[in-house]
C-alpha atoms as a PDB file:
ATOM      1  CA  MET A   1      65.224   4.941 -85.835  1.00  0.00           C
ATOM      2  CA  ASN A   2      62.533   7.551 -85.263  1.00  0.00           C
ATOM      3  CA  LYS A   3      59.841   4.919 -86.264  1.00  0.00           C
ATOM      4  CA  ILE A   4      61.288   2.536 -83.587  1.00  0.00           C
ATOM      5  CA  VAL A   5      61.091   5.259 -80.896  1.00  0.00           C
ATOM      6  CA  LYS A   6      57.582   6.231 -81.934  1.00  0.00           C
ATOM      7  CA  TYR A   7      56.319   2.679 -81.921  1.00  0.00           C
ATOM      8  CA  ILE A   8      57.814   1.930 -78.518  1.00  0.00           C
ATOM      9  CA  MET A   9      56.553   5.227 -77.068  1.00  0.00           C
ATOM     10  CA  LEU A  10      52.881   4.485 -78.259  1.00  0.00           C
ATOM     11  CA  ASP A  11      53.198   0.982 -76.946  1.00  0.00           C
ATOM     12  CA  ILE A  12      54.519   1.937 -73.567  1.00  0.00           C
ATOM     13  CA  LEU A  13      52.059   4.940 -73.061  1.00  0.00           C
ATOM     14  CA  LYS A  14      49.152   2.501 -73.456  1.00  0.00           C
ATOM     15  CA  SER A  15      50.523   0.177 -70.710  1.00  0.00           C
ATOM     16  CA  LYS A  16      48.315  -0.029 -67.653  1.00  0.00           C
ATOM     17  CA  VAL A  17      51.449   0.072 -65.558  1.00  0.00           C
ATOM     18  CA  VAL A  18      52.608   3.495 -66.955  1.00  0.00           C
ATOM     19  CA  ILE A  19      49.023   4.898 -66.748  1.00  0.00           C
ATOM     20  CA  ALA A  20      48.813   3.647 -63.193  1.00  0.00           C
ATOM     21  CA  TYR A  21      52.181   5.332 -62.503  1.00  0.00           C
ATOM     22  CA  LEU A  22      51.060   8.506 -63.938  1.00  0.00           C
ATOM     23  CA  VAL A  23      47.650   8.501 -61.985  1.00  0.00           C
ATOM     24  CA  PHE A  24      49.576   7.714 -58.680  1.00  0.00           C
ATOM     25  CA  LEU A  25      51.871  10.581 -59.098  1.00  0.00           C
ATOM     26  CA  MET A  26      49.172  13.007 -59.974  1.00  0.00           C
ATOM     27  CA  VAL A  27      46.782  11.859 -57.147  1.00  0.00           C
ATOM     28  CA  THR A  28      49.833  11.955 -54.806  1.00  0.00           C
ATOM     29  CA  GLY A  29      50.867  15.304 -55.866  1.00  0.00           C
ATOM     30  CA  PHE A  30      47.515  17.066 -55.552  1.00  0.00           C
ATOM     31  CA  SER A  31      46.672  15.241 -52.259  1.00  0.00           C
ATOM     32  CA  ILE A  32      50.019  16.454 -50.537  1.00  0.00           C
ATOM     33  CA  PHE A  33      49.651  20.104 -51.741  1.00  0.00           C
ATOM     34  CA  ASN A  34      45.993  20.160 -50.748  1.00  0.00           C
ATOM     35  CA  LEU A  35      46.755  18.837 -47.283  1.00  0.00           C
ATOM     36  CA  ASP A  36      49.124  21.719 -46.304  1.00  0.00           C
ATOM     37  CA  GLU A  37      48.861  25.369 -47.410  1.00  0.00           C
ATOM     38  CA  ASN A  38      52.584  25.650 -47.106  1.00  0.00           C
ATOM     39  CA  THR A  39      53.735  24.533 -50.557  1.00  0.00           C
ATOM     40  CA  SER A  40      57.354  24.200 -49.433  1.00  0.00           C
ATOM     41  CA  LYS A  41      56.467  21.620 -46.847  1.00  0.00           C
ATOM     42  CA  GLY A  42      54.351  19.757 -49.503  1.00  0.00           C
ATOM     43  CA  LEU A  43      57.247  19.697 -51.944  1.00  0.00           C
ATOM     44  CA  ILE A  44      59.589  18.195 -49.188  1.00  0.00           C
ATOM     45  CA  SER A  45      56.846  15.515 -48.425  1.00  0.00           C
ATOM     46  CA  LEU A  46      56.525  14.802 -52.154  1.00  0.00           C
ATOM     47  CA  LEU A  47      60.250  14.616 -52.449  1.00  0.00           C
ATOM     48  CA  ASN A  48      60.555  11.752 -50.048  1.00  0.00           C
ATOM     49  CA  ILE A  49      57.954   9.826 -52.018  1.00  0.00           C
ATOM     50  CA  ILE A  50      59.573  10.625 -55.391  1.00  0.00           C
ATOM     51  CA  LEU A  51      63.048   9.500 -54.373  1.00  0.00           C
ATOM     52  CA  PHE A  52      61.608   6.085 -53.689  1.00  0.00           C
ATOM     53  CA  ILE A  53      59.097   5.673 -56.390  1.00  0.00           C
ATOM     54  CA  VAL A  54      60.728   6.950 -59.476  1.00  0.00           C
ATOM     55  CA  PRO A  55      63.837   4.845 -59.245  1.00  0.00           C
ATOM     56  CA  LEU A  56      61.854   1.748 -58.362  1.00  0.00           C
ATOM     57  CA  VAL A  57      59.376   2.138 -61.266  1.00  0.00           C
ATOM     58  CA  CYS A  58      62.083   2.954 -63.820  1.00  0.00           C
ATOM     59  CA  LEU A  59      64.183  -0.032 -62.720  1.00  0.00           C
ATOM     60  CA  ILE A  60      61.384  -2.574 -62.696  1.00  0.00           C
ATOM     61  CA  TYR A  61      59.439  -1.494 -65.570  1.00  0.00           C
ATOM     62  CA  ALA A  62      62.388  -1.021 -67.997  1.00  0.00           C
ATOM     63  CA  THR A  63      63.867  -4.327 -66.972  1.00  0.00           C
ATOM     64  CA  ILE A  64      60.579  -6.285 -67.591  1.00  0.00           C
ATOM     65  CA  TYR A  65      60.050  -4.503 -70.826  1.00  0.00           C
ATOM     66  CA  ILE A  66      63.486  -5.374 -72.204  1.00  0.00           C
ATOM     67  CA  PHE A  67      62.927  -9.131 -71.362  1.00  0.00           C
ATOM     68  CA  ASN A  68      59.331  -9.166 -72.530  1.00  0.00           C
ATOM     69  CA  SER A  69      60.508  -7.668 -75.830  1.00  0.00           C
ATOM     70  CA  SER A  70      63.384 -10.031 -76.493  1.00  0.00           C
ATOM     71  CA  GLU A  71      61.741 -11.600 -79.574  1.00  0.00           C
ATOM     72  CA  PHE A  72      60.923  -8.134 -80.904  1.00  0.00           C
ATOM     73  CA  ILE A  73      64.475  -7.092 -80.458  1.00  0.00           C
ATOM     74  CA  GLU A  74      65.939 -10.190 -82.027  1.00  0.00           C
ATOM     75  CA  LEU A  75      63.525  -9.514 -85.072  1.00  0.00           C
ATOM     76  CA  LEU A  76      64.803  -5.966 -85.368  1.00  0.00           C
ATOM     77  CA  THR A  77      68.593  -7.058 -85.192  1.00  0.00           C
ATOM     78  CA  ALA A  78      67.847  -8.996 -88.423  1.00  0.00           C
ATOM     79  CA  GLN A  79      66.785  -5.742 -90.129  1.00  0.00           C
ATOM     80  CA  PRO A  80      69.324  -3.318 -91.783  1.00  0.00           C
ATOM     81  CA  VAL A  81      69.871  -1.327 -88.737  1.00  0.00           C
ATOM     82  CA  SER A  82      72.971  -1.183 -86.589  1.00  0.00           C
ATOM     83  CA  ARG A  83      72.753  -2.621 -82.969  1.00  0.00           C
ATOM     84  CA  LYS A  84      73.898   0.654 -81.571  1.00  0.00           C
ATOM     85  CA  LYS A  85      70.971   2.619 -83.199  1.00  0.00           C
ATOM     86  CA  LEU A  86      68.650  -0.145 -82.226  1.00  0.00           C
ATOM     87  CA  ILE A  87      69.344  -0.123 -78.437  1.00  0.00           C
ATOM     88  CA  THR A  88      69.577   3.701 -78.337  1.00  0.00           C
ATOM     89  CA  SER A  89      66.132   3.855 -80.072  1.00  0.00           C
ATOM     90  CA  ILE A  90      64.671   1.427 -77.543  1.00  0.00           C
ATOM     91  CA  TYR A  91      66.213   3.337 -74.636  1.00  0.00           C
ATOM     92  CA  ALA A  92      64.896   6.582 -75.917  1.00  0.00           C
ATOM     93  CA  GLY A  93      61.461   5.239 -76.448  1.00  0.00           C
ATOM     94  CA  VAL A  94      61.337   3.739 -72.869  1.00  0.00           C
ATOM     95  CA  VAL A  95      62.845   6.699 -71.188  1.00  0.00           C
ATOM     96  CA  LEU A  96      60.829   9.253 -73.059  1.00  0.00           C
ATOM     97  CA  SER A  97      57.542   7.475 -72.130  1.00  0.00           C
ATOM     98  CA  LEU A  98      58.520   7.347 -68.391  1.00  0.00           C
ATOM     99  CA  THR A  99      59.614  10.875 -68.449  1.00  0.00           C
ATOM    100  CA  LEU A 100      56.310  12.069 -70.001  1.00  0.00           C
ATOM    101  CA  ALA A 101      54.367  10.086 -67.396  1.00  0.00           C
ATOM    102  CA  PHE A 102      56.465  11.855 -64.741  1.00  0.00           C
ATOM    103  CA  LEU A 103      56.031  15.219 -66.078  1.00  0.00           C
ATOM    104  CA  ILE A 104      52.282  14.963 -66.509  1.00  0.00           C
ATOM    105  CA  GLY A 105      51.770  13.233 -63.165  1.00  0.00           C
ATOM    106  CA  ILE A 106      53.962  15.492 -61.063  1.00  0.00           C
ATOM    107  CA  GLY A 107      54.205  18.535 -63.364  1.00  0.00           C
ATOM    108  CA  LEU A 108      50.626  19.511 -63.198  1.00  0.00           C
ATOM    109  CA  PRO A 109      50.427  19.658 -59.372  1.00  0.00           C
ATOM    110  CA  ILE A 110      53.780  21.564 -59.202  1.00  0.00           C
ATOM    111  CA  LEU A 111      52.872  24.054 -61.928  1.00  0.00           C
ATOM    112  CA  LEU A 112      49.615  24.786 -60.132  1.00  0.00           C
ATOM    113  CA  PHE A 113      51.038  25.098 -56.473  1.00  0.00           C
ATOM    114  CA  THR A 114      54.817  25.868 -56.991  1.00  0.00           C
ATOM    115  CA  PRO A 115      55.497  27.422 -60.284  1.00  0.00           C
ATOM    116  CA  ASP A 116      58.821  28.740 -59.251  1.00  0.00           C
ATOM    117  CA  ALA A 117      62.573  27.839 -59.530  1.00  0.00           C
ATOM    118  CA  THR A 118      62.334  25.308 -56.718  1.00  0.00           C
ATOM    119  CA  GLY A 119      59.474  23.550 -58.647  1.00  0.00           C
ATOM    120  CA  PHE A 120      61.559  23.542 -61.893  1.00  0.00           C
ATOM    121  CA  ILE A 121      64.577  22.053 -59.988  1.00  0.00           C
ATOM    122  CA  PHE A 122      62.279  19.369 -58.596  1.00  0.00           C
ATOM    123  CA  LEU A 123      61.016  18.359 -62.071  1.00  0.00           C
ATOM    124  CA  LEU A 124      64.526  18.386 -63.381  1.00  0.00           C
ATOM    125  CA  ALA A 125      65.784  16.110 -60.584  1.00  0.00           C
ATOM    126  CA  GLY A 126      62.934  13.768 -61.283  1.00  0.00           C
ATOM    127  CA  ILE A 127      63.720  13.686 -65.037  1.00  0.00           C
ATOM    128  CA  LEU A 128      67.444  12.996 -64.320  1.00  0.00           C
ATOM    129  CA  LEU A 129      66.565  10.174 -61.987  1.00  0.00           C
ATOM    130  CA  THR A 130      64.306   8.729 -64.654  1.00  0.00           C
ATOM    131  CA  LEU A 131      67.063   8.716 -67.094  1.00  0.00           C
ATOM    132  CA  ILE A 132      69.611   7.340 -64.694  1.00  0.00           C
ATOM    133  CA  PHE A 133      67.720   4.482 -63.327  1.00  0.00           C
ATOM    134  CA  THR A 134      66.361   3.573 -66.830  1.00  0.00           C
ATOM    135  CA  SER A 135      69.965   3.397 -67.989  1.00  0.00           C
ATOM    136  CA  LEU A 136      70.872   1.205 -65.010  1.00  0.00           C
ATOM    137  CA  ALA A 137      67.790  -1.036 -65.807  1.00  0.00           C
ATOM    138  CA  PHE A 138      68.931  -1.385 -69.480  1.00  0.00           C
ATOM    139  CA  LEU A 139      72.624  -2.265 -68.353  1.00  0.00           C
ATOM    140  CA  GLY A 140      71.457  -4.807 -65.818  1.00  0.00           C
ATOM    141  CA  SER A 141      69.032  -6.345 -68.476  1.00  0.00           C
ATOM    142  CA  ILE A 142      71.702  -6.530 -71.096  1.00  0.00           C
ATOM    143  CA  VAL A 143      74.297  -8.202 -68.774  1.00  0.00           C
ATOM    144  CA  THR A 144      71.851 -10.703 -67.308  1.00  0.00           C
ATOM    145  CA  LYS A 145      70.154 -13.425 -69.498  1.00  0.00           C
ATOM    146  CA  ASP A 146      67.603 -14.617 -67.042  1.00  0.00           C
ATOM    147  CA  LYS A 147      64.484 -12.584 -66.478  1.00  0.00           C
ATOM    148  CA  ALA A 148      64.107 -13.481 -62.812  1.00  0.00           C
ATOM    149  CA  LYS A 149      67.778 -12.605 -62.157  1.00  0.00           C
ATOM    150  CA  GLY A 150      67.511  -9.397 -64.037  1.00  0.00           C
ATOM    151  CA  ILE A 151      64.506  -8.309 -61.836  1.00  0.00           C
ATOM    152  CA  GLY A 152      66.495  -9.337 -58.839  1.00  0.00           C
ATOM    153  CA  VAL A 153      69.399  -7.182 -59.886  1.00  0.00           C
ATOM    154  CA  ALA A 154      67.051  -4.236 -60.414  1.00  0.00           C
ATOM    155  CA  ILE A 155      65.524  -4.623 -57.009  1.00  0.00           C
ATOM    156  CA  PHE A 156      69.072  -4.725 -55.423  1.00  0.00           C
ATOM    157  CA  ILE A 157      70.001  -1.678 -57.231  1.00  0.00           C
ATOM    158  CA  TRP A 158      67.026   0.226 -55.935  1.00  0.00           C
ATOM    159  CA  LEU A 159      67.542  -1.022 -52.369  1.00  0.00           C
ATOM    160  CA  PHE A 160      71.295  -0.124 -52.461  1.00  0.00           C
ATOM    161  CA  PHE A 161      70.822   3.400 -53.634  1.00  0.00           C
ATOM    162  CA  THR A 162      67.684   4.224 -51.581  1.00  0.00           C
ATOM    163  CA  ILE A 163      68.566   2.558 -48.274  1.00  0.00           C
ATOM    164  CA  LEU A 164      71.877   0.556 -48.036  1.00  0.00           C
ATOM    165  CA  TYR A 165      74.168   3.332 -49.233  1.00  0.00           C
ATOM    166  CA  ASP A 166      73.147   5.714 -46.696  1.00  0.00           C
ATOM    167  CA  GLY A 167      73.540   3.224 -44.010  1.00  0.00           C
ATOM    168  CA  LEU A 168      77.043   2.533 -45.075  1.00  0.00           C
ATOM    169  CA  LEU A 169      77.869   6.213 -45.085  1.00  0.00           C
ATOM    170  CA  LEU A 170      76.552   6.497 -41.487  1.00  0.00           C
ATOM    171  CA  LEU A 171      78.524   3.585 -40.408  1.00  0.00           C
ATOM    172  CA  LEU A 172      81.586   5.267 -42.069  1.00  0.00           C
ATOM    173  CA  MET A 173      80.993   8.480 -40.196  1.00  0.00           C
ATOM    174  CA  PHE A 174      80.555   6.707 -36.795  1.00  0.00           C
ATOM    175  CA  GLN A 175      83.716   4.680 -37.262  1.00  0.00           C
ATOM    176  CA  PHE A 176      85.883   7.547 -38.496  1.00  0.00           C
ATOM    177  CA  GLY A 177      84.179  10.519 -36.948  1.00  0.00           C
ATOM    178  CA  ASP A 178      87.430  11.626 -35.069  1.00  0.00           C
ATOM    179  CA  TYR A 179      89.138  12.155 -38.462  1.00  0.00           C
ATOM    180  CA  PRO A 180      88.830  14.768 -41.162  1.00  0.00           C
ATOM    181  CA  ILE A 181      86.543  12.732 -43.565  1.00  0.00           C
ATOM    182  CA  GLU A 182      84.510  15.664 -44.995  1.00  0.00           C
ATOM    183  CA  LYS A 183      86.042  15.575 -48.502  1.00  0.00           C
ATOM    184  CA  PRO A 184      85.966  11.688 -48.731  1.00  0.00           C
ATOM    185  CA  LEU A 185      82.343  11.779 -47.736  1.00  0.00           C
ATOM    186  CA  MET A 186      81.493  14.394 -50.359  1.00  0.00           C
ATOM    187  CA  ILE A 187      83.223  12.159 -53.011  1.00  0.00           C
ATOM    188  CA  LEU A 188      81.348   9.028 -51.765  1.00  0.00           C
ATOM    189  CA  THR A 189      78.081  10.969 -51.968  1.00  0.00           C
ATOM    190  CA  THR A 190      78.669  11.373 -55.818  1.00  0.00           C
ATOM    191  CA  PHE A 191      78.248   7.560 -56.110  1.00  0.00           C
ATOM    192  CA  ASN A 192      74.597   7.828 -55.111  1.00  0.00           C
ATOM    193  CA  PRO A 193      72.290   9.666 -57.598  1.00  0.00           C
ATOM    194  CA  VAL A 194      69.455   9.528 -55.214  1.00  0.00           C
ATOM    195  CA  ASP A 195      71.337  11.496 -52.532  1.00  0.00           C
ATOM    196  CA  LEU A 196      72.529  13.901 -55.203  1.00  0.00           C
ATOM    197  CA  ALA A 197      68.896  14.519 -56.258  1.00  0.00           C
ATOM    198  CA  ARG A 198      67.825  15.080 -52.709  1.00  0.00           C
ATOM    199  CA  ILE A 199      70.667  17.525 -52.180  1.00  0.00           C
ATOM    200  CA  LEU A 200      69.892  19.297 -55.505  1.00  0.00           C
ATOM    201  CA  ILE A 201      66.421  20.149 -54.458  1.00  0.00           C
ATOM    202  CA  LEU A 202      67.024  20.840 -50.844  1.00  0.00           C
ATOM    203  CA  ILE A 203      69.767  23.526 -51.414  1.00  0.00           C
ATOM    204  CA  HIS A 204      67.049  25.504 -53.137  1.00  0.00           C
ATOM    205  CA  THR A 205      64.585  25.325 -50.311  1.00  0.00           C
ATOM    206  CA  ASP A 206      64.499  26.649 -46.647  1.00  0.00           C
ATOM    207  CA  TYR A 207      64.981  23.217 -45.274  1.00  0.00           C
ATOM    208  CA  ALA A 208      68.766  22.847 -45.486  1.00  0.00           C
ATOM    209  CA  ALA A 209      68.751  20.800 -42.289  1.00  0.00           C
ATOM    210  CA  LEU A 210      67.126  17.947 -44.043  1.00  0.00           C
ATOM    211  CA  MET A 211      69.937  17.606 -46.510  1.00  0.00           C
ATOM    212  CA  GLY A 212      72.061  15.661 -43.879  1.00  0.00           C
ATOM    213  CA  TYR A 213      75.664  15.823 -43.128  1.00  0.00           C
ATOM    214  CA  THR A 214      76.945  15.272 -46.719  1.00  0.00           C
ATOM    215  CA  GLY A 215      74.432  17.688 -48.090  1.00  0.00           C
ATOM    216  CA  ALA A 216      75.508  20.375 -45.663  1.00  0.00           C
ATOM    217  CA  LEU A 217      79.107  19.686 -46.729  1.00  0.00           C
ATOM    218  CA  PHE A 218      78.124  20.272 -50.383  1.00  0.00           C
ATOM    219  CA  ASN A 219      76.541  23.555 -49.426  1.00  0.00           C
ATOM    220  CA  GLU A 220      79.280  24.664 -47.271  1.00  0.00           C
ATOM    221  CA  PHE A 221      82.212  23.868 -49.674  1.00  0.00           C
ATOM    222  CA  LEU A 222      80.562  24.597 -52.955  1.00  0.00           C
ATOM    223  CA  GLY A 223      77.613  27.035 -52.103  1.00  0.00           C
ATOM    224  CA  SER A 224      74.210  26.948 -53.669  1.00  0.00           C
ATOM    225  CA  GLN A 225      75.293  27.896 -57.371  1.00  0.00           C
ATOM    226  CA  LYS A 226      78.430  25.879 -57.709  1.00  0.00           C
ATOM    227  CA  GLY A 227      76.863  22.966 -55.999  1.00  0.00           C
ATOM    228  CA  THR A 228      73.934  22.929 -58.231  1.00  0.00           C
ATOM    229  CA  ILE A 229      76.165  22.952 -61.397  1.00  0.00           C
ATOM    230  CA  THR A 230      78.535  20.294 -59.845  1.00  0.00           C
ATOM    231  CA  ILE A 231      75.602  17.897 -58.941  1.00  0.00           C
ATOM    232  CA  LEU A 232      74.044  18.375 -62.382  1.00  0.00           C
ATOM    233  CA  LEU A 233      77.229  17.499 -64.076  1.00  0.00           C
ATOM    234  CA  ILE A 234      77.697  14.329 -61.949  1.00  0.00           C
ATOM    235  CA  LEU A 235      74.138  13.282 -62.646  1.00  0.00           C
ATOM    236  CA  LEU A 236      74.745  13.705 -66.305  1.00  0.00           C
ATOM    237  CA  ILE A 237      77.779  11.324 -65.957  1.00  0.00           C
ATOM    238  CA  TRP A 238      75.372   8.864 -64.225  1.00  0.00           C
ATOM    239  CA  ILE A 239      73.272   8.945 -67.273  1.00  0.00           C
ATOM    240  CA  ILE A 240      76.021   8.723 -69.871  1.00  0.00           C
ATOM    241  CA  VAL A 241      78.252   6.140 -68.390  1.00  0.00           C
ATOM    242  CA  PRO A 242      75.764   3.293 -67.862  1.00  0.00           C
ATOM    243  CA  THR A 243      74.197   3.972 -71.171  1.00  0.00           C
ATOM    244  CA  MET A 244      77.448   3.737 -73.020  1.00  0.00           C
ATOM    245  CA  ILE A 245      78.391   0.421 -71.273  1.00  0.00           C
ATOM    246  CA  ALA A 246      74.950  -0.912 -72.005  1.00  0.00           C
ATOM    247  CA  VAL A 247      75.348  -0.008 -75.737  1.00  0.00           C
ATOM    248  CA  ARG A 248      78.787  -1.551 -75.876  1.00  0.00           C
ATOM    249  CA  LYS A 249      77.619  -4.719 -74.178  1.00  0.00           C
ATOM    250  CA  PHE A 250      74.537  -5.088 -76.489  1.00  0.00           C
ATOM    251  CA  ARG A 251      76.682  -4.725 -79.514  1.00  0.00           C
ATOM    252  CA  LYS A 252      78.799  -7.702 -78.454  1.00  0.00           C
ATOM    253  CA  LYS A 253      75.901  -9.632 -76.889  1.00  0.00           C
ATOM    254  CA  ASP A 254      75.026 -12.998 -78.515  1.00  0.00           C
ATOM    255  CA  LEU A 255      71.222 -13.067 -78.896  1.00  0.00           C
END
């Protein structure tokens, strides 16, 4: 199992796509922090980029990697190793590589410019998003058999969580604004890990107004400390559930 993880990590870390991802994050981070002396504003600017880029890269790259490695995976299934260990090893190798690229690319600028609790929360949120969307990519790749369809599913997942979901919430707020919908909106927000990551970071900054209506509800009803714990637990569920479903589907999948 460790050999598989190590092999996949070394293979992915040599990938031009992952290297370009790392360089892009690092250049973007240093550029934003150097443009403004106010590191808090720089962090917020960086946040908006990360919430779009990290899910997109994790979804597309992990999906393509699974389909491109289909022959390698079939070869490994013929070896004396259980399918559960095999898919978890592949997942670990991919997610550790993408997490390492994120930590190096964004971690260095943050450690130099904002080495505080807010910077740590920012990195934690990025790591959790990496784990979540890699899990969703694995689930989508295992459920679909066609590569083009799998990439299409990955793009739809990205569009849904980064753009469409917030639009649906806004529509709901406009339609039922005269009713007490605070608690239902809070519950609906938990179904979007991108929104949860945004709220997690913003409740630790001075820019609470940028959290939006649902973020303000989290802060009002739960407070900063309870809100942080609640969001972290929900994000962990977002990691565990898709991964467990992907493992179960892979064990039953006809290769």
